[in-house]
Amino acid sequence: MKYGGKLLNIFLFIVSVGYVLIGLNFSRTPRTFPLLVGFPMIVLTGLQTLIDFFPNISKKYSDLGTFDAEMISGRTKGQKTENNPDQYQKELEIFLWLAVAVALILLLGILFGLPLFIFIYLKYRYVQGWKVSLSLPLGALAAMYIIFTKVLTISLYKGIFFRG
């Protein structure tokens, strides 16, 4: 897929602009987080999109070095990789776990969906014992509740089931 990276960057740019526009509709305190995350996302995805479509921009700064997927995987620049079916299966599994996380957050909200996802992920993906599988999500739930609800007084997304 030759244009996959470019399309992904354009999509992320549009999502980040939408994220900021939605955040601007919130009152003063709840808008802080979308703006703190959204504006850097707009700048970074916009810059990456410009670099994708105008490679001369990146050539100007190429002497600064890069940190990309090729460096992480240990490949040299431009080295071809063979198609590995196990790699595709791993990527599919990651996307499925991500879909489960998004579905749980949409249905149950951030406060309950995220800890439930952490529990399911630890219990069934990493086959952890009950002690670890329960303590980490409960700790995350307590931390989210204290930080966002009590300290910052931000109302987190409640999910489809708990709205009302």
N, C-alpha and C. Protein backbone atom coordinates (compact mmCIF):
# COMPACT_ATOMS: atom_id res chain seq x y z
N MET A 1 0.85 -1.17 0.00
CA MET A 1 0.00 0.00 0.00
C MET A 1 0.90 1.24 0.00
N LYS A 2 1.02 1.83 -1.16
CA LYS A 2 1.97 2.91 -1.37
C LYS A 2 1.56 4.20 -0.64
N TYR A 3 0.29 4.48 -0.58
CA TYR A 3 -0.17 5.75 -0.01
C TYR A 3 -0.74 5.60 1.39
N GLY A 4 -0.55 4.46 2.01
CA GLY A 4 -1.12 4.20 3.33
C GLY A 4 -0.67 5.19 4.39
N GLY A 5 0.63 5.48 4.43
CA GLY A 5 1.16 6.41 5.42
C GLY A 5 0.64 7.82 5.22
N LYS A 6 0.55 8.24 3.96
CA LYS A 6 0.04 9.57 3.66
C LYS A 6 -1.43 9.69 4.07
N LEU A 7 -2.21 8.67 3.74
CA LEU A 7 -3.63 8.69 4.10
C LEU A 7 -3.82 8.68 5.61
N LEU A 8 -2.99 7.92 6.31
CA LEU A 8 -3.07 7.88 7.76
C LEU A 8 -2.75 9.25 8.36
N ASN A 9 -1.72 9.93 7.85
CA ASN A 9 -1.37 11.25 8.35
C ASN A 9 -2.47 12.27 8.09
N ILE A 10 -3.07 12.21 6.90
CA ILE A 10 -4.18 13.12 6.60
C ILE A 10 -5.34 12.85 7.54
N PHE A 11 -5.65 11.57 7.75
CA PHE A 11 -6.74 11.20 8.65
C PHE A 11 -6.47 11.69 10.07
N LEU A 12 -5.26 11.48 10.57
CA LEU A 12 -4.91 11.94 11.92
C LEU A 12 -4.96 13.46 12.03
N PHE A 13 -4.56 14.15 10.98
CA PHE A 13 -4.64 15.62 10.97
C PHE A 13 -6.10 16.07 11.08
N ILE A 14 -6.97 15.45 10.29
CA ILE A 14 -8.40 15.81 10.32
C ILE A 14 -9.00 15.49 11.69
N VAL A 15 -8.65 14.34 12.24
CA VAL A 15 -9.16 13.96 13.57
C VAL A 15 -8.69 14.95 14.62
N SER A 16 -7.43 15.36 14.56
CA SER A 16 -6.92 16.29 15.57
C SER A 16 -7.56 17.66 15.44
N VAL A 17 -7.83 18.12 14.22
CA VAL A 17 -8.54 19.39 14.04
C VAL A 17 -9.96 19.28 14.60
N GLY A 18 -10.62 18.17 14.31
CA GLY A 18 -11.96 17.96 14.87
C GLY A 18 -11.95 17.88 16.38
N TYR A 19 -10.92 17.26 16.93
CA TYR A 19 -10.77 17.13 18.38
C TYR A 19 -10.66 18.50 19.04
N VAL A 20 -9.87 19.38 18.43
CA VAL A 20 -9.72 20.74 18.96
C VAL A 20 -11.02 21.52 18.81
N LEU A 21 -11.67 21.39 17.66
CA LEU A 21 -12.93 22.12 17.45
C LEU A 21 -14.01 21.68 18.44
N ILE A 22 -14.08 20.39 18.72
CA ILE A 22 -15.03 19.91 19.72
C ILE A 22 -14.64 20.41 21.10
N GLY A 23 -13.34 20.40 21.40
CA GLY A 23 -12.85 20.88 22.69
C GLY A 23 -13.15 22.34 22.92
N LEU A 24 -13.17 23.14 21.87
CA LEU A 24 -13.46 24.57 22.02
C LEU A 24 -14.89 24.83 22.48
N ASN A 25 -15.77 23.86 22.29
CA ASN A 25 -17.16 24.02 22.72
C ASN A 25 -17.36 23.75 24.20
N PHE A 26 -16.36 23.17 24.86
CA PHE A 26 -16.47 22.87 26.28
C PHE A 26 -16.25 24.14 27.10
N SER A 27 -16.65 24.07 28.36
CA SER A 27 -16.37 25.20 29.25
C SER A 27 -14.88 25.22 29.58
N ARG A 28 -14.44 26.18 30.37
CA ARG A 28 -13.02 26.47 30.55
C ARG A 28 -12.19 25.26 31.04
N THR A 29 -12.59 24.62 32.10
CA THR A 29 -11.78 23.53 32.66
C THR A 29 -11.78 22.29 31.77
N PRO A 30 -12.93 21.80 31.30
CA PRO A 30 -12.89 20.58 30.47
C PRO A 30 -12.20 20.78 29.13
N ARG A 31 -12.07 21.99 28.64
CA ARG A 31 -11.45 22.19 27.34
C ARG A 31 -9.92 22.12 27.42
N THR A 32 -9.36 22.15 28.60
CA THR A 32 -7.91 22.17 28.75
C THR A 32 -7.25 20.95 28.12
N PHE A 33 -7.75 19.77 28.42
CA PHE A 33 -7.12 18.55 27.93
C PHE A 33 -7.20 18.44 26.40
N PRO A 34 -8.38 18.63 25.78
CA PRO A 34 -8.40 18.54 24.31
C PRO A 34 -7.47 19.55 23.63
N LEU A 35 -7.33 20.73 24.22
CA LEU A 35 -6.46 21.73 23.60
C LEU A 35 -4.99 21.39 23.81
N LEU A 36 -4.64 20.87 24.99
CA LEU A 36 -3.25 20.49 25.26
C LEU A 36 -2.80 19.33 24.37
N VAL A 37 -3.71 18.44 24.06
CA VAL A 37 -3.37 17.30 23.21
C VAL A 37 -3.56 17.65 21.73
N GLY A 38 -4.62 18.38 21.43
CA GLY A 38 -4.99 18.63 20.05
C GLY A 38 -4.04 19.52 19.28
N PHE A 39 -3.62 20.63 19.88
CA PHE A 39 -2.74 21.55 19.15
C PHE A 39 -1.40 20.92 18.79
N PRO A 40 -0.71 20.24 19.70
CA PRO A 40 0.52 19.56 19.26
C PRO A 40 0.26 18.50 18.19
N MET A 41 -0.89 17.81 18.28
CA MET A 41 -1.22 16.82 17.26
C MET A 41 -1.39 17.49 15.90
N ILE A 42 -2.04 18.65 15.87
CA ILE A 42 -2.22 19.36 14.61
C ILE A 42 -0.87 19.75 14.03
N VAL A 43 0.00 20.28 14.87
CA VAL A 43 1.32 20.71 14.39
C VAL A 43 2.12 19.52 13.87
N LEU A 44 2.17 18.44 14.65
CA LEU A 44 3.00 17.29 14.27
C LEU A 44 2.44 16.54 13.05
N THR A 45 1.13 16.31 13.03
CA THR A 45 0.56 15.60 11.88
C THR A 45 0.59 16.49 10.64
N GLY A 46 0.40 17.80 10.81
CA GLY A 46 0.50 18.71 9.68
C GLY A 46 1.90 18.73 9.11
N LEU A 47 2.90 18.78 9.97
CA LEU A 47 4.29 18.77 9.52
C LEU A 47 4.62 17.45 8.82
N GLN A 48 4.18 16.34 9.38
CA GLN A 48 4.46 15.05 8.75
C GLN A 48 3.76 14.95 7.40
N THR A 49 2.55 15.47 7.28
CA THR A 49 1.84 15.45 6.01
C THR A 49 2.57 16.30 4.98
N LEU A 50 3.05 17.46 5.39
CA LEU A 50 3.84 18.30 4.47
C LEU A 50 5.10 17.57 4.00
N ILE A 51 5.77 16.91 4.93
CA ILE A 51 6.98 16.17 4.57
C ILE A 51 6.65 15.03 3.61
N ASP A 52 5.49 14.37 3.82
CA ASP A 52 5.10 13.29 2.93
C ASP A 52 4.87 13.77 1.50
N PHE A 53 4.24 14.92 1.36
CA PHE A 53 3.91 15.41 0.03
C PHE A 53 5.02 16.26 -0.60
N PHE A 54 5.88 16.83 0.22
CA PHE A 54 6.99 17.65 -0.27
C PHE A 54 8.29 17.13 0.34
N PRO A 55 8.88 16.09 -0.25
CA PRO A 55 10.08 15.48 0.32
C PRO A 55 11.27 16.43 0.42
N ASN A 56 11.27 17.50 -0.35
CA ASN A 56 12.39 18.45 -0.28
C ASN A 56 12.48 19.09 1.10
N ILE A 57 11.36 19.21 1.79
CA ILE A 57 11.37 19.77 3.14
C ILE A 57 12.19 18.88 4.07
N SER A 58 11.99 17.58 3.96
CA SER A 58 12.72 16.67 4.85
C SER A 58 14.20 16.59 4.48
N LYS A 59 14.55 16.77 3.21
CA LYS A 59 15.95 16.72 2.82
C LYS A 59 16.74 17.85 3.47
N LYS A 60 16.07 18.98 3.68
CA LYS A 60 16.74 20.11 4.30
C LYS A 60 17.18 19.81 5.73
N TYR A 61 16.39 18.99 6.42
CA TYR A 61 16.68 18.67 7.81
C TYR A 61 17.19 17.25 8.00
N SER A 62 17.57 16.56 6.93
CA SER A 62 17.96 15.16 7.04
C SER A 62 19.25 14.97 7.83
N ASP A 63 20.11 15.98 7.90
CA ASP A 63 21.36 15.83 8.65
C ASP A 63 21.13 15.79 10.15
N LEU A 64 19.91 16.13 10.60
CA LEU A 64 19.61 16.07 12.03
C LEU A 64 19.40 14.64 12.51
N GLY A 65 19.18 13.72 11.57
CA GLY A 65 18.96 12.33 11.94
C GLY A 65 17.48 12.05 12.12
N THR A 66 17.13 10.79 12.11
CA THR A 66 15.73 10.39 12.26
C THR A 66 15.63 9.26 13.26
N PHE A 67 14.45 9.11 13.77
CA PHE A 67 14.12 7.99 14.64
C PHE A 67 12.81 7.43 14.11
N ASP A 68 12.89 6.39 13.33
CA ASP A 68 11.70 5.88 12.69
C ASP A 68 11.58 4.37 12.88
N ALA A 69 10.60 3.81 12.20
CA ALA A 69 10.32 2.38 12.36
C ALA A 69 11.49 1.52 11.90
N GLU A 70 12.24 1.99 10.92
CA GLU A 70 13.39 1.21 10.46
C GLU A 70 14.46 1.12 11.54
N MET A 71 14.67 2.22 12.27
CA MET A 71 15.65 2.19 13.36
C MET A 71 15.20 1.24 14.47
N ILE A 72 13.92 1.32 14.81
CA ILE A 72 13.41 0.50 15.89
C ILE A 72 13.52 -0.98 15.55
N SER A 73 13.24 -1.33 14.30
CA SER A 73 13.27 -2.75 13.91
C SER A 73 14.68 -3.25 13.65
N GLY A 74 15.66 -2.36 13.61
CA GLY A 74 17.04 -2.78 13.40
C GLY A 74 17.42 -2.88 11.94
N ARG A 75 16.54 -2.43 11.04
CA ARG A 75 16.86 -2.46 9.61
C ARG A 75 17.66 -1.21 9.25
N THR A 76 18.41 -1.33 8.19
CA THR A 76 19.09 -0.16 7.66
C THR A 76 18.14 0.56 6.73
N LYS A 77 18.44 1.81 6.43
CA LYS A 77 17.57 2.63 5.59
C LYS A 77 17.37 1.97 4.24
N GLY A 78 16.12 1.77 3.85
CA GLY A 78 15.80 1.22 2.54
C GLY A 78 15.89 -0.28 2.43
N GLN A 79 16.25 -0.98 3.50
CA GLN A 79 16.36 -2.44 3.45
C GLN A 79 14.96 -3.03 3.32
N LYS A 80 14.81 -3.93 2.37
CA LYS A 80 13.51 -4.57 2.13
C LYS A 80 13.24 -5.62 3.20
N THR A 81 11.96 -5.79 3.51
CA THR A 81 11.56 -6.85 4.45
C THR A 81 10.72 -7.86 3.70
N GLU A 82 10.87 -9.11 4.07
CA GLU A 82 10.05 -10.14 3.45
C GLU A 82 8.68 -10.15 4.12
N ASN A 83 7.69 -10.58 3.37
CA ASN A 83 6.34 -10.67 3.94
C ASN A 83 6.28 -11.80 4.94
N ASN A 84 6.01 -11.46 6.16
CA ASN A 84 5.98 -12.43 7.24
C ASN A 84 4.54 -12.60 7.71
N PRO A 85 3.92 -13.76 7.49
CA PRO A 85 2.53 -13.95 7.92
C PRO A 85 2.34 -13.80 9.42
N ASP A 86 3.35 -14.15 10.21
CA ASP A 86 3.25 -13.98 11.66
C ASP A 86 3.15 -12.51 12.02
N GLN A 87 3.84 -11.65 11.30
CA GLN A 87 3.79 -10.21 11.56
C GLN A 87 2.38 -9.67 11.29
N TYR A 88 1.76 -10.14 10.21
CA TYR A 88 0.40 -9.70 9.90
C TYR A 88 -0.57 -10.16 10.97
N GLN A 89 -0.37 -11.36 11.48
CA GLN A 89 -1.24 -11.88 12.53
C GLN A 89 -1.07 -11.06 13.81
N LYS A 90 0.15 -10.68 14.14
CA LYS A 90 0.40 -9.85 15.31
C LYS A 90 -0.27 -8.48 15.16
N GLU A 91 -0.15 -7.89 13.97
CA GLU A 91 -0.77 -6.59 13.73
C GLU A 91 -2.28 -6.68 13.82
N LEU A 92 -2.87 -7.74 13.28
CA LEU A 92 -4.30 -7.94 13.37
C LEU A 92 -4.74 -8.09 14.81
N GLU A 93 -3.97 -8.83 15.59
CA GLU A 93 -4.29 -9.00 17.00
C GLU A 93 -4.25 -7.66 17.74
N ILE A 94 -3.28 -6.82 17.42
CA ILE A 94 -3.19 -5.50 18.06
C ILE A 94 -4.41 -4.67 17.72
N PHE A 95 -4.82 -4.68 16.46
CA PHE A 95 -5.99 -3.90 16.07
C PHE A 95 -7.27 -4.44 16.70
N LEU A 96 -7.35 -5.75 16.87
CA LEU A 96 -8.54 -6.32 17.53
C LEU A 96 -8.59 -5.91 19.00
N TRP A 97 -7.44 -5.93 19.68
CA TRP A 97 -7.41 -5.49 21.07
C TRP A 97 -7.77 -4.00 21.17
N LEU A 98 -7.29 -3.22 20.22
CA LEU A 98 -7.64 -1.81 20.20
C LEU A 98 -9.14 -1.62 19.99
N ALA A 99 -9.74 -2.43 19.12
CA ALA A 99 -11.19 -2.36 18.90
C ALA A 99 -11.96 -2.72 20.16
N VAL A 100 -11.47 -3.70 20.91
CA VAL A 100 -12.12 -4.06 22.18
C VAL A 100 -12.04 -2.89 23.16
N ALA A 101 -10.89 -2.24 23.23
CA ALA A 101 -10.73 -1.09 24.13
C ALA A 101 -11.68 0.04 23.75
N VAL A 102 -11.75 0.35 22.48
CA VAL A 102 -12.63 1.43 22.03
C VAL A 102 -14.09 1.08 22.30
N ALA A 103 -14.48 -0.17 22.03
CA ALA A 103 -15.86 -0.58 22.27
C ALA A 103 -16.22 -0.49 23.75
N LEU A 104 -15.34 -0.95 24.62
CA LEU A 104 -15.61 -0.88 26.06
C LEU A 104 -15.72 0.57 26.54
N ILE A 105 -14.85 1.43 26.04
CA ILE A 105 -14.91 2.83 26.45
C ILE A 105 -16.17 3.49 25.93
N LEU A 106 -16.56 3.19 24.69
CA LEU A 106 -17.79 3.76 24.15
C LEU A 106 -19.02 3.28 24.92
N LEU A 107 -19.04 2.02 25.28
CA LEU A 107 -20.22 1.46 25.95
C LEU A 107 -20.26 1.78 27.44
N LEU A 108 -19.13 1.66 28.13
CA LEU A 108 -19.11 1.80 29.58
C LEU A 108 -18.50 3.11 30.07
N GLY A 109 -17.89 3.86 29.18
CA GLY A 109 -17.25 5.10 29.57
C GLY A 109 -15.80 4.87 29.95
N ILE A 110 -15.11 5.97 30.17
CA ILE A 110 -13.67 5.89 30.48
C ILE A 110 -13.43 5.30 31.86
N LEU A 111 -14.22 5.73 32.82
CA LEU A 111 -13.97 5.33 34.20
C LEU A 111 -14.13 3.83 34.44
N PHE A 112 -15.04 3.18 33.73
CA PHE A 112 -15.25 1.73 33.92
C PHE A 112 -14.73 0.91 32.75
N GLY A 113 -14.78 1.45 31.54
CA GLY A 113 -14.35 0.71 30.36
C GLY A 113 -12.86 0.46 30.31
N LEU A 114 -12.08 1.47 30.67
CA LEU A 114 -10.63 1.33 30.63
C LEU A 114 -10.11 0.31 31.66
N PRO A 115 -10.54 0.37 32.92
CA PRO A 115 -10.10 -0.67 33.86
C PRO A 115 -10.56 -2.07 33.46
N LEU A 116 -11.77 -2.17 32.91
CA LEU A 116 -12.24 -3.48 32.47
C LEU A 116 -11.37 -3.99 31.33
N PHE A 117 -11.00 -3.11 30.40
CA PHE A 117 -10.10 -3.52 29.32
C PHE A 117 -8.76 -3.97 29.87
N ILE A 118 -8.21 -3.24 30.82
CA ILE A 118 -6.93 -3.61 31.42
C ILE A 118 -7.03 -5.00 32.05
N PHE A 119 -8.12 -5.25 32.75
CA PHE A 119 -8.33 -6.56 33.38
C PHE A 119 -8.38 -7.66 32.32
N ILE A 120 -9.20 -7.47 31.30
CA ILE A 120 -9.35 -8.49 30.25
C ILE A 120 -8.02 -8.72 29.54
N TYR A 121 -7.32 -7.64 29.25
CA TYR A 121 -6.05 -7.74 28.55
C TYR A 121 -5.03 -8.50 29.39
N LEU A 122 -4.93 -8.18 30.66
CA LEU A 122 -3.96 -8.87 31.52
C LEU A 122 -4.35 -10.33 31.74
N LYS A 123 -5.63 -10.58 31.93
CA LYS A 123 -6.08 -11.93 32.27
C LYS A 123 -6.01 -12.87 31.07
N TYR A 124 -6.41 -12.38 29.89
CA TYR A 124 -6.52 -13.29 28.76
C TYR A 124 -5.39 -13.17 27.75
N ARG A 125 -4.76 -12.02 27.62
CA ARG A 125 -3.66 -11.89 26.67
C ARG A 125 -2.33 -12.27 27.32
N TYR A 126 -2.10 -11.78 28.52
CA TYR A 126 -0.84 -12.06 29.19
C TYR A 126 -0.97 -13.11 30.28
N VAL A 127 -2.13 -13.67 30.45
CA VAL A 127 -2.41 -14.77 31.37
C VAL A 127 -1.77 -14.51 32.74
N GLN A 128 -2.11 -13.38 33.30
CA GLN A 128 -1.64 -13.03 34.63
C GLN A 128 -2.56 -13.63 35.69
N GLY A 129 -2.09 -13.73 36.90
CA GLY A 129 -2.90 -14.24 37.99
C GLY A 129 -3.96 -13.23 38.40
N TRP A 130 -4.86 -13.67 39.27
CA TRP A 130 -5.96 -12.81 39.69
C TRP A 130 -5.46 -11.58 40.45
N LYS A 131 -4.40 -11.76 41.22
CA LYS A 131 -3.89 -10.66 42.03
C LYS A 131 -3.46 -9.48 41.15
N VAL A 132 -2.64 -9.77 40.15
CA VAL A 132 -2.17 -8.72 39.24
C VAL A 132 -3.31 -8.22 38.36
N SER A 133 -4.12 -9.14 37.85
CA SER A 133 -5.20 -8.78 36.94
C SER A 133 -6.27 -7.91 37.60
N LEU A 134 -6.42 -8.01 38.90
CA LEU A 134 -7.39 -7.16 39.59
C LEU A 134 -6.76 -5.90 40.19
N SER A 135 -5.54 -6.00 40.68
CA SER A 135 -4.95 -4.85 41.36
C SER A 135 -4.61 -3.71 40.40
N LEU A 136 -4.08 -4.00 39.23
CA LEU A 136 -3.74 -2.93 38.28
C LEU A 136 -4.96 -2.17 37.78
N PRO A 137 -6.04 -2.85 37.34
CA PRO A 137 -7.22 -2.09 36.92
C PRO A 137 -7.87 -1.31 38.07
N LEU A 138 -7.89 -1.90 39.26
CA LEU A 138 -8.47 -1.17 40.40
C LEU A 138 -7.62 0.05 40.76
N GLY A 139 -6.31 -0.09 40.66
CA GLY A 139 -5.43 1.06 40.88
C GLY A 139 -5.64 2.14 39.83
N ALA A 140 -5.81 1.72 38.57
CA ALA A 140 -6.08 2.68 37.50
C ALA A 140 -7.42 3.37 37.72
N LEU A 141 -8.42 2.61 38.14
CA LEU A 141 -9.74 3.19 38.43
C LEU A 141 -9.64 4.21 39.55
N ALA A 142 -8.95 3.87 40.62
CA ALA A 142 -8.80 4.80 41.75
C ALA A 142 -8.03 6.05 41.31
N ALA A 143 -6.96 5.87 40.55
CA ALA A 143 -6.16 7.02 40.11
C ALA A 143 -6.98 7.93 39.19
N MET A 144 -7.71 7.35 38.24
CA MET A 144 -8.53 8.16 37.34
C MET A 144 -9.62 8.90 38.11
N TYR A 145 -10.26 8.19 39.04
CA TYR A 145 -11.33 8.82 39.81
C TYR A 145 -10.81 9.98 40.65
N ILE A 146 -9.70 9.76 41.34
CA ILE A 146 -9.15 10.81 42.20
C ILE A 146 -8.64 11.98 41.37
N ILE A 147 -7.85 11.69 40.35
CA ILE A 147 -7.23 12.78 39.57
C ILE A 147 -8.27 13.57 38.78
N PHE A 148 -9.10 12.88 38.01
CA PHE A 148 -10.00 13.60 37.12
C PHE A 148 -11.28 14.08 37.82
N THR A 149 -11.90 13.23 38.62
CA THR A 149 -13.17 13.59 39.21
C THR A 149 -13.02 14.48 40.44
N LYS A 150 -12.09 14.17 41.31
CA LYS A 150 -11.95 14.91 42.56
C LYS A 150 -11.01 16.11 42.44
N VAL A 151 -9.81 15.90 41.90
CA VAL A 151 -8.82 16.97 41.87
C VAL A 151 -9.12 17.98 40.76
N LEU A 152 -9.26 17.48 39.53
CA LEU A 152 -9.48 18.37 38.39
C LEU A 152 -10.95 18.71 38.15
N THR A 153 -11.85 18.03 38.83
CA THR A 153 -13.31 18.17 38.68
C THR A 153 -13.73 18.14 37.21
N ILE A 154 -13.19 17.16 36.48
CA ILE A 154 -13.55 16.95 35.09
C ILE A 154 -14.48 15.75 35.01
N SER A 155 -15.61 15.93 34.35
CA SER A 155 -16.54 14.84 34.17
C SER A 155 -16.08 14.00 32.98
N LEU A 156 -15.68 12.77 33.24
CA LEU A 156 -15.22 11.88 32.18
C LEU A 156 -16.39 11.33 31.40
N TYR A 157 -16.12 10.90 30.19
CA TYR A 157 -17.15 10.31 29.32
C TYR A 157 -17.78 9.12 30.03
N LYS A 158 -19.11 9.10 30.11
CA LYS A 158 -19.82 8.08 30.89
C LYS A 158 -20.21 6.86 30.09
N GLY A 159 -20.14 6.92 28.80
CA GLY A 159 -20.48 5.75 27.99
C GLY A 159 -21.96 5.71 27.64
N ILE A 160 -22.28 4.87 26.69
CA ILE A 160 -23.66 4.75 26.21
C ILE A 160 -24.56 4.16 27.28
N PHE A 161 -24.10 3.17 28.03
CA PHE A 161 -24.94 2.50 29.02
C PHE A 161 -25.21 3.35 30.26
N PHE A 162 -24.30 4.26 30.62
CA PHE A 162 -24.44 5.01 31.87
C PHE A 162 -24.88 6.44 31.66
N ARG A 163 -25.24 6.80 30.45
CA ARG A 163 -25.77 8.14 30.22
C ARG A 163 -27.17 8.21 30.77
N GLY A 164 -27.54 9.36 31.19
CA GLY A 164 -28.94 9.48 31.60
C GLY A 164 -29.09 10.14 32.86
